[in-house]
Amino acid sequence: MNILHHKSWHVRTKSNMERVRRDERKAAEEEQRVLDRQIQSENELRINQLRKKADDRMTTMFGGSTSSGSATKDVSISDETGHVNLFQDLEREERKNLGSGNKEYEAEKAQEKREWESKMGIQVYFADGTNDLAKKKEWYEEMPLRRMGAEPKRTSGQAEIRIEDDKKERKRKRNSESEEEETQRKRHKKDKKHKKKIALKPADLHRIIIMTITYPRKIWIVRHAEREDNVNRHWRKLDGADGLASDNSMLSTRGKQQAKECKNRFKNAQIAHCFASPFDRTIETASTIIEDKNLKVKAEGGLCEALYLCEKPPGFWETEQLAEKFPLVDADYVPVYSRYTLPKEACGDDACVKRVGDTLRKLFEKYEGNLLLVGHGASIGACHEILMGDFKYVGQATVSEFEETAPGKYRCNFSSDSAHLSDKKNLRPW
């Protein structure tokens, strides 16, 4: 839409342009008045400070009182013209420095201005702030000096002799370096041959690790107890839910009771190591089970829930933060998977089978004795598929027992057992 030039609301009419100029002048005058008041206040403050210093100096020189008669000396406060001037000494010093200015103050102001312009991205000069403008060179742009000091000038004959000496010196260094390199190469080749003789093959090393584990041994897998978000949609408003993500629900009141009943079930069990998913509900369940066994809970991200049900990344805490909240968490344990190294997974509960399989293989190879694993519905279903070839859902706070009779040979003694629970209704196996 075109606005006619003679209309009153056109921005380029003379009246509107004059109004803008008038407003700009008014704003500039107001800014100048504010600056003048600031300067005046600074001058008054400076004068008051100087007067105080002058009073202190007079008190030091002539005592606390000037009415002591002959003990004091008359001090003239008038200048040559007869006018009273309390600051004639200061003015005399200022006249001595007339024209030179306060160099330190000017340097400070200039530095503040340069810093402000640098922060605002203002370039006063072309290529401002670069070495070209400052006439500086980086360390790699300068020629290295062969000696610490500057060398004296030489004549052409001396320069030729110096060049020959440099060539001989470089040749001697190359010969010595080549001899040293040859010696080191022979020593390295000899060490490598020696190591090759005593080195073990990966299969032999695996066999040695496996041989340190005694069989048979038991592997108990427990699903976490009831979650608070199973019974309360507004659980994040409760006390103790601060900092918990939407996928990291804590245990409900019934879930805490179920965890204590799991503890009673494992009262006489010989557990060597305990691993749990890093979510709060699994860590709390595992901590309750082993609290009287002098063990630590190893927070293992590889046992966490199927990733399509979690936030991205999953909402569980890091091991150090978990150890502050749950004292039984092993802060020195290095997990197979952390929240940032978990692999990508497709949708579906069985998408976590590969990740859980890698985790179990590494845990079973590294740790001996009876093991306790605390996980989720999907991850425990994946454990069943890996150990017995069938993906199976289990209820909350239920126990599954497997027996490893030989390396890679497993037998399922029972699965999803709830005999230890006082309330077996609605255990949510799905």
Protein backbone atom coordinates (compact mmCIF):
# COMPACT_ATOMS: atom_id res chain seq x y z
CA MET A 1 0.00 0.00 0.00
CA ASN A 2 1.40 3.40 -1.00
CA ILE A 3 0.90 6.29 1.43
CA LEU A 4 0.51 9.69 -0.25
CA HIS A 5 3.24 12.12 0.57
CA HIS A 6 0.87 14.91 1.62
CA LYS A 7 -0.87 12.81 4.26
CA SER A 8 -0.16 13.74 7.90
CA TRP A 9 0.90 10.23 8.85
CA HIS A 10 3.57 9.98 6.16
CA VAL A 11 6.97 9.59 7.91
CA ARG A 12 8.84 11.86 5.48
CA THR A 13 6.69 14.98 5.84
CA LYS A 14 8.47 18.12 7.02
CA SER A 15 6.50 18.28 10.25
CA ASN A 16 7.26 14.68 11.14
CA MET A 17 10.92 15.03 10.27
CA GLU A 18 11.15 18.20 12.35
CA ARG A 19 9.45 16.43 15.26
CA VAL A 20 12.03 13.65 15.08
CA ARG A 21 14.91 16.12 15.04
CA ARG A 22 13.38 18.00 17.95
CA ASP A 23 13.06 14.79 19.95
CA GLU A 24 16.65 13.88 19.16
CA ARG A 25 17.89 17.29 20.30
CA LYS A 26 15.85 17.01 23.48
CA ALA A 27 17.25 13.56 24.19
CA ALA A 28 20.81 14.78 23.56
CA GLU A 29 20.30 17.73 25.92
CA GLU A 30 18.86 15.46 28.60
CA GLU A 31 21.82 13.12 28.23
CA GLN A 32 24.21 16.07 28.49
CA ARG A 33 22.47 17.31 31.64
CA VAL A 34 22.80 13.86 33.22
CA LEU A 35 26.50 13.79 32.28
CA ASP A 36 27.02 17.29 33.72
CA ARG A 37 25.38 16.29 36.99
CA GLN A 38 27.58 13.23 37.16
CA ILE A 39 30.72 15.29 36.54
CA GLN A 40 29.63 17.86 39.13
CA SER A 41 29.01 15.17 41.74
CA GLU A 42 32.41 13.63 41.06
CA ASN A 43 34.07 17.05 41.37
CA GLU A 44 32.30 17.73 44.66
CA LEU A 45 33.35 14.37 46.01
CA ARG A 46 36.94 15.02 44.98
CA ILE A 47 36.91 18.48 46.56
CA ASN A 48 35.53 17.09 49.83
CA GLN A 49 38.24 14.48 49.92
CA LEU A 50 40.93 17.09 49.26
CA ARG A 51 39.53 19.33 51.99
CA LYS A 52 39.60 16.45 54.44
CA LYS A 53 43.20 15.68 53.53
CA ALA A 54 44.12 19.36 53.94
CA ASP A 55 42.48 19.43 57.38
CA ASP A 56 44.37 16.33 58.42
CA ARG A 57 47.62 17.83 57.19
CA MET A 58 47.00 21.07 59.07
CA THR A 59 46.17 19.13 62.22
CA THR A 60 49.37 17.12 61.88
CA MET A 61 51.55 20.16 61.23
CA PHE A 62 50.10 22.67 63.71
CA GLY A 63 48.31 20.55 66.28
CA GLY A 64 44.65 19.96 67.02
CA SER A 65 43.80 23.61 67.75
CA THR A 66 44.92 26.89 66.14
CA SER A 67 44.09 29.06 69.21
CA SER A 68 47.12 28.05 71.28
CA GLY A 69 48.72 31.46 71.15
CA SER A 70 52.49 31.52 70.76
CA ALA A 71 52.65 27.76 70.30
CA THR A 72 51.14 28.05 66.83
CA LYS A 73 52.14 29.89 63.74
CA ASP A 74 49.88 32.13 61.67
CA VAL A 75 49.02 30.59 58.38
CA SER A 76 48.07 32.82 55.47
CA ILE A 77 45.01 31.69 53.53
CA SER A 78 44.98 34.61 51.08
CA ASP A 79 46.86 34.88 47.83
CA GLU A 80 48.86 37.77 46.41
CA THR A 81 45.72 39.67 45.41
CA GLY A 82 44.27 39.54 48.93
CA HIS A 83 41.47 37.07 48.12
CA VAL A 84 40.88 34.15 50.46
CA ASN A 85 41.90 30.91 48.75
CA LEU A 86 41.79 27.70 50.71
CA PHE A 87 43.29 25.69 47.88
CA GLN A 88 46.18 27.83 46.76
CA ASP A 89 48.68 25.00 47.36
CA LEU A 90 46.66 22.62 45.22
CA GLU A 91 46.22 25.18 42.47
CA ARG A 92 49.93 25.85 42.49
CA GLU A 93 50.65 22.15 41.95
CA GLU A 94 48.03 21.98 39.20
CA ARG A 95 49.67 24.91 37.41
CA LYS A 96 52.93 22.98 37.44
CA ASN A 97 51.23 20.07 35.64
CA LEU A 98 49.30 22.30 33.25
CA GLY A 99 49.30 20.84 29.76
CA SER A 100 50.57 17.40 30.77
CA GLY A 101 47.22 16.04 32.08
CA ASN A 102 46.67 12.94 34.16
CA LYS A 103 48.30 10.28 32.03
CA GLU A 104 47.35 7.35 34.27
CA TYR A 105 43.68 8.37 34.28
CA GLU A 106 43.66 8.81 30.51
CA ALA A 107 45.32 5.41 30.01
CA GLU A 108 42.73 3.72 32.24
CA LYS A 109 39.84 5.35 30.38
CA ALA A 110 41.32 4.39 27.00
CA GLN A 111 41.73 0.79 28.18
CA GLU A 112 38.10 0.67 29.41
CA LYS A 113 36.92 2.04 26.07
CA ARG A 114 38.91 -0.55 24.11
CA GLU A 115 37.52 -3.37 26.26
CA TRP A 116 33.95 -2.12 25.80
CA GLU A 117 34.41 -1.82 22.03
CA SER A 118 35.88 -5.33 21.93
CA LYS A 119 32.89 -6.77 23.84
CA MET A 120 30.41 -4.96 21.58
CA GLY A 121 32.19 -6.19 18.47
CA ILE A 122 33.18 -2.70 17.32
CA GLN A 123 36.32 -2.49 15.21
CA VAL A 124 37.89 0.93 15.46
CA TYR A 125 40.45 0.05 12.82
CA PHE A 126 40.50 -2.44 10.00
CA ALA A 127 41.78 -5.80 11.33
CA ASP A 128 41.49 -4.46 14.88
CA GLY A 129 42.86 -6.86 17.48
CA THR A 130 45.01 -8.80 15.00
CA ASN A 131 48.76 -9.24 14.92
CA ASP A 132 48.97 -7.32 11.63
CA LEU A 133 47.70 -4.14 13.28
CA ALA A 134 49.68 -4.64 16.49
CA LYS A 135 52.80 -5.52 14.46
CA LYS A 136 53.32 -8.72 16.44
CA LYS A 137 54.39 -12.15 15.32
CA GLU A 138 53.45 -15.57 16.59
CA TRP A 139 56.20 -17.81 17.94
CA TYR A 140 56.18 -19.95 14.80
CA GLU A 141 56.61 -16.88 12.56
CA GLU A 142 59.90 -15.83 14.15
CA MET A 143 63.25 -17.25 13.18
CA PRO A 144 64.76 -19.33 16.02
CA LEU A 145 68.01 -18.03 17.48
CA ARG A 146 70.92 -20.44 17.64
CA ARG A 147 72.24 -18.70 20.70
CA MET A 148 70.59 -16.90 23.55
CA GLY A 149 72.06 -13.52 22.68
CA ALA A 150 72.33 -11.58 19.46
CA GLU A 151 75.30 -12.59 17.37
CA PRO A 152 77.80 -9.93 16.34
CA LYS A 153 78.10 -8.90 12.74
CA ARG A 154 80.71 -10.76 10.72
CA THR A 155 82.57 -10.03 7.58
CA SER A 156 82.03 -12.09 4.43
CA GLY A 157 85.06 -14.29 5.16
CA GLN A 158 83.90 -14.96 8.70
CA ALA A 159 80.39 -15.71 7.43
CA GLU A 160 81.72 -18.35 5.00
CA ILE A 161 83.74 -20.00 7.77
CA ARG A 162 80.68 -19.90 10.00
CA ILE A 163 78.54 -21.59 7.30
CA GLU A 164 81.09 -24.38 6.87
CA ASP A 165 81.22 -24.94 10.62
CA ASP A 166 77.42 -25.12 10.75
CA LYS A 167 77.36 -27.73 7.98
CA LYS A 168 79.92 -29.89 9.79
CA GLU A 169 78.00 -29.56 13.06
CA ARG A 170 74.71 -30.58 11.42
CA LYS A 171 76.35 -33.54 9.72
CA ARG A 172 77.88 -34.69 13.00
CA LYS A 173 74.49 -34.43 14.75
CA ARG A 174 72.76 -36.40 11.97
CA ASN A 175 75.33 -39.18 12.26
CA SER A 176 74.97 -39.37 16.04
CA GLU A 177 71.16 -39.29 15.83
CA SER A 178 71.11 -42.01 13.18
CA GLU A 179 73.35 -44.21 15.33
CA GLU A 180 71.10 -43.64 18.37
CA GLU A 181 67.95 -44.37 16.34
CA GLU A 182 69.47 -47.56 14.99
CA THR A 183 70.33 -48.69 18.53
CA GLN A 184 66.81 -47.95 19.76
CA ARG A 185 65.31 -49.75 16.75
CA LYS A 186 67.32 -52.88 17.48
CA ARG A 187 66.39 -52.77 21.17
CA HIS A 188 62.68 -52.30 20.32
CA LYS A 189 62.79 -55.19 17.84
CA LYS A 190 64.39 -57.42 20.46
CA ASP A 191 61.80 -56.48 23.11
CA LYS A 192 58.97 -57.03 20.65
CA LYS A 193 60.27 -60.50 19.78
CA HIS A 194 60.54 -61.32 23.48
CA LYS A 195 57.00 -60.15 24.17
CA LYS A 196 55.73 -62.13 21.22
CA LYS A 197 57.11 -65.30 22.74
CA ILE A 198 55.36 -64.84 26.08
CA ALA A 199 52.16 -63.18 24.80
CA LEU A 200 48.92 -65.07 25.21
CA LYS A 201 46.26 -65.40 22.59
CA PRO A 202 42.87 -63.80 23.35
CA ALA A 203 41.29 -67.26 23.51
CA ASP A 204 43.88 -68.37 26.09
CA LEU A 205 43.28 -65.22 28.14
CA HIS A 206 39.52 -65.84 28.02
CA ARG A 207 40.12 -69.42 29.15
CA ILE A 208 42.20 -68.22 32.10
CA ILE A 209 39.47 -65.76 33.16
CA ILE A 210 36.80 -68.43 32.89
CA MET A 211 38.88 -70.90 34.89
CA THR A 212 38.91 -68.57 37.91
CA ILE A 213 35.10 -68.89 38.17
CA THR A 214 33.75 -71.95 39.92
CA TYR A 215 30.65 -73.76 38.70
CA PRO A 216 27.82 -74.28 39.25
CA ARG A 217 26.70 -70.89 40.49
CA LYS A 218 23.33 -69.17 40.84
CA ILE A 219 22.06 -66.04 39.11
CA TRP A 220 19.01 -64.41 40.64
CA ILE A 221 17.06 -61.86 38.62
CA VAL A 222 14.58 -59.62 40.47
CA ARG A 223 12.21 -57.09 38.93
CA HIS A 224 11.86 -53.81 40.82
CA ALA A 225 8.94 -53.38 43.22
CA GLU A 226 5.82 -51.28 42.55
CA ARG A 227 6.46 -47.78 41.19
CA GLU A 228 4.82 -44.66 42.56
CA ASP A 229 3.60 -43.63 39.12
CA ASN A 230 1.65 -46.91 38.91
CA VAL A 231 -0.75 -45.58 41.54
CA ASN A 232 -0.26 -41.79 41.50
CA ARG A 233 -0.25 -39.67 38.35
CA HIS A 234 0.97 -36.61 40.25
CA TRP A 235 3.90 -38.35 41.92
CA ARG A 236 6.41 -35.66 40.89
CA LYS A 237 4.79 -33.26 43.37
CA LEU A 238 5.63 -35.55 46.31
CA ASP A 239 8.53 -35.06 48.70
CA GLY A 240 11.64 -36.86 47.49
CA ALA A 241 10.75 -36.50 43.81
CA ASP A 242 12.90 -33.40 43.28
CA GLY A 243 15.24 -33.80 40.32
CA LEU A 244 13.64 -37.02 39.08
CA ALA A 245 12.77 -37.25 35.39
CA SER A 246 9.41 -38.45 34.13
CA ASP A 247 10.79 -41.97 33.50
CA ASN A 248 12.54 -42.23 36.88
CA SER A 249 9.74 -42.90 39.34
CA MET A 250 10.52 -43.89 42.91
CA LEU A 251 8.94 -46.80 44.80
CA SER A 252 5.44 -46.54 46.20
CA THR A 253 4.54 -47.42 49.78
CA ARG A 254 3.51 -50.89 48.63
CA GLY A 255 6.72 -51.14 46.59
CA LYS A 256 8.87 -50.45 49.66
CA GLN A 257 7.04 -53.20 51.53
CA GLN A 258 7.60 -55.57 48.59
CA ALA A 259 11.34 -54.75 48.65
CA LYS A 260 11.51 -55.63 52.36
CA GLU A 261 9.80 -58.96 51.64
CA CYS A 262 12.41 -59.63 48.91
CA LYS A 263 15.06 -58.91 51.52
CA ASN A 264 13.59 -61.56 53.81
CA ARG A 265 13.64 -64.03 50.92
CA PHE A 266 17.37 -63.49 50.31
CA LYS A 267 18.26 -63.41 54.03
CA ASN A 268 20.25 -66.66 53.87
CA ALA A 269 21.36 -66.42 50.23
CA GLN A 270 25.09 -66.20 49.50
CA ILE A 271 25.38 -63.24 47.09
CA ALA A 272 28.82 -62.23 45.81
CA HIS A 273 27.87 -59.25 43.63
CA CYS A 274 24.72 -57.18 43.10
CA PHE A 275 23.96 -55.28 39.87
CA ALA A 276 20.97 -53.00 39.30
CA SER A 277 19.63 -50.67 36.66
CA PRO A 278 20.50 -47.05 37.59
CA PHE A 279 16.86 -45.95 37.87
CA ASP A 280 15.74 -45.01 41.39
CA ARG A 281 13.17 -47.82 41.70
CA THR A 282 15.72 -50.55 40.91
CA ILE A 283 18.51 -49.03 43.04
CA GLU A 284 16.15 -48.71 46.01
CA THR A 285 14.93 -52.29 45.57
CA ALA A 286 18.49 -53.65 45.36
CA SER A 287 19.70 -51.53 48.31
CA THR A 288 16.88 -52.86 50.48
CA ILE A 289 17.68 -56.49 49.58
CA ILE A 290 21.43 -56.33 50.40
CA GLU A 291 21.47 -53.75 53.19
CA ASP A 292 22.53 -56.39 55.78
CA LYS A 293 25.00 -58.29 53.56
CA ASN A 294 28.02 -55.97 53.52
CA LEU A 295 27.70 -55.53 49.74
CA LYS A 296 27.52 -52.61 47.33
CA VAL A 297 25.06 -52.07 44.50
CA LYS A 298 26.76 -51.68 41.13
CA ALA A 299 24.65 -49.36 38.97
CA GLU A 300 24.72 -50.88 35.46
CA GLY A 301 23.12 -48.95 32.59
CA GLY A 302 23.01 -52.06 30.43
CA LEU A 303 20.18 -53.43 32.60
CA CYS A 304 17.93 -50.38 32.20
CA GLU A 305 14.44 -50.34 30.69
CA ALA A 306 13.79 -50.55 26.93
CA LEU A 307 14.96 -47.22 25.57
CA TYR A 308 11.80 -46.46 23.62
CA LEU A 309 10.04 -46.13 27.01
CA CYS A 310 12.65 -43.71 28.40
CA GLU A 311 13.58 -40.12 27.85
CA LYS A 312 16.45 -39.27 25.51
CA PRO A 313 18.89 -39.78 27.15
CA PRO A 314 17.33 -41.91 29.90
CA GLY A 315 16.49 -40.00 33.06
CA PHE A 316 18.54 -42.01 35.54
CA TRP A 317 21.35 -40.28 37.46
CA GLU A 318 25.10 -40.77 37.12
CA THR A 319 26.84 -43.12 39.57
CA GLU A 320 28.40 -40.33 41.65
CA GLN A 321 25.03 -38.63 42.14
CA LEU A 322 23.34 -41.95 42.94
CA ALA A 323 25.98 -42.70 45.58
CA GLU A 324 25.10 -39.46 47.37
CA LYS A 325 21.41 -40.41 47.51
CA PHE A 326 21.84 -44.16 48.11
CA PRO A 327 24.86 -44.89 50.37
CA LEU A 328 25.07 -48.55 49.24
CA VAL A 329 25.82 -47.63 45.61
CA ASP A 330 29.39 -48.50 44.57
CA ALA A 331 30.86 -45.19 43.38
CA ASP A 332 34.00 -46.92 41.98
CA TYR A 333 32.13 -49.27 39.64
CA VAL A 334 32.61 -48.59 35.92
CA PRO A 335 29.44 -49.71 34.07
CA VAL A 336 29.39 -51.48 30.74
CA TYR A 337 26.94 -48.81 29.47
CA SER A 338 26.36 -45.30 30.80
CA ARG A 339 23.42 -43.09 29.88
CA TYR A 340 25.45 -41.53 27.05
CA THR A 341 26.95 -44.74 25.62
CA LEU A 342 23.75 -46.75 25.32
CA PRO A 343 23.26 -48.01 21.75
CA LYS A 344 20.38 -46.96 19.54
CA GLU A 345 17.38 -49.28 19.78
CA ALA A 346 14.20 -49.75 17.79
CA CYS A 347 10.73 -49.66 19.29
CA GLY A 348 9.56 -52.72 21.16
CA ASP A 349 10.45 -54.51 24.37
CA ASP A 350 12.64 -57.07 22.60
CA ALA A 351 14.79 -54.35 21.00
CA CYS A 352 16.98 -54.36 24.12
CA VAL A 353 18.01 -58.04 23.78
CA LYS A 354 21.37 -57.31 22.13
CA ARG A 355 22.32 -54.62 24.67
CA VAL A 356 21.32 -56.81 27.62
CA GLY A 357 23.15 -59.78 26.08
CA ASP A 358 26.41 -57.82 25.78
CA THR A 359 26.04 -56.65 29.38
CA LEU A 360 25.41 -60.14 30.77
CA ARG A 361 28.32 -61.63 28.84
CA LYS A 362 30.78 -59.07 30.24
CA LEU A 363 29.44 -59.36 33.78
CA PHE A 364 29.47 -63.16 33.77
CA GLU A 365 33.05 -63.26 32.46
CA LYS A 366 34.42 -60.72 34.94
CA TYR A 367 32.65 -61.50 38.23
CA GLU A 368 32.63 -64.84 40.05
CA GLY A 369 30.25 -66.24 42.62
CA ASN A 370 26.47 -65.98 42.87
CA LEU A 371 25.07 -62.83 41.20
CA LEU A 372 21.94 -60.78 41.89
CA LEU A 373 20.50 -58.65 39.04
CA VAL A 374 17.69 -56.12 39.55
CA GLY A 375 16.05 -54.85 36.36
CA HIS A 376 12.81 -53.99 34.57
CA GLY A 377 10.11 -55.85 32.69
CA ALA A 378 11.77 -55.53 29.27
CA SER A 379 15.36 -56.12 30.41
CA ILE A 380 14.36 -59.20 32.48
CA GLY A 381 12.39 -60.51 29.50
CA ALA A 382 15.59 -60.11 27.46
CA CYS A 383 17.53 -62.02 30.18
CA HIS A 384 15.07 -64.92 29.82
CA GLU A 385 15.54 -64.95 26.04
CA ILE A 386 19.32 -64.96 26.39
CA LEU A 387 19.54 -67.58 29.14
CA MET A 388 16.65 -69.91 28.16
CA GLY A 389 15.67 -68.86 24.61
CA ASP A 390 12.22 -67.46 25.48
CA PHE A 391 11.30 -63.80 26.06
CA LYS A 392 9.16 -63.86 29.20
CA TYR A 393 7.46 -61.08 31.20
CA VAL A 394 7.59 -61.27 35.01
CA GLY A 395 5.67 -59.47 37.75
CA GLN A 396 6.96 -56.71 39.98
CA ALA A 397 9.11 -57.84 42.94
CA THR A 398 9.20 -61.41 41.62
CA VAL A 399 12.31 -63.61 41.59
CA SER A 400 13.74 -65.76 38.78
CA GLU A 401 16.58 -68.19 39.48
CA PHE A 402 19.06 -69.47 36.90
CA GLU A 403 21.99 -71.81 37.43
CA GLU A 404 25.16 -71.61 35.36
CA THR A 405 26.47 -75.17 35.27
CA ALA A 406 29.37 -74.45 32.89
CA PRO A 407 30.59 -71.46 30.86
CA GLY A 408 27.64 -70.48 28.66
CA LYS A 409 25.39 -73.31 29.97
CA TYR A 410 22.33 -72.19 31.94
CA ARG A 411 19.38 -73.93 33.58
CA CYS A 412 16.21 -72.17 34.76
CA ASN A 413 15.17 -73.40 38.22
CA PHE A 414 12.09 -71.17 38.44
CA SER A 415 10.79 -67.92 36.96
CA SER A 416 8.61 -65.05 38.23
CA ASP A 417 8.21 -66.58 41.69
CA SER A 418 6.07 -64.50 44.09
CA ALA A 419 5.90 -66.89 47.06
CA HIS A 420 7.63 -64.35 49.34
CA LEU A 421 5.04 -61.59 48.73
CA SER A 422 2.15 -61.11 51.15
CA ASP A 423 0.00 -59.39 48.50
CA LYS A 424 0.16 -61.13 45.15
CA LYS A 425 -2.60 -59.15 43.43
CA ASN A 426 -1.88 -56.91 40.42
CA LEU A 427 1.88 -57.44 40.02
CA ARG A 428 1.74 -55.89 36.52
CA PRO A 429 3.72 -58.42 34.48
CA TRP A 430 3.06 -56.42 31.27
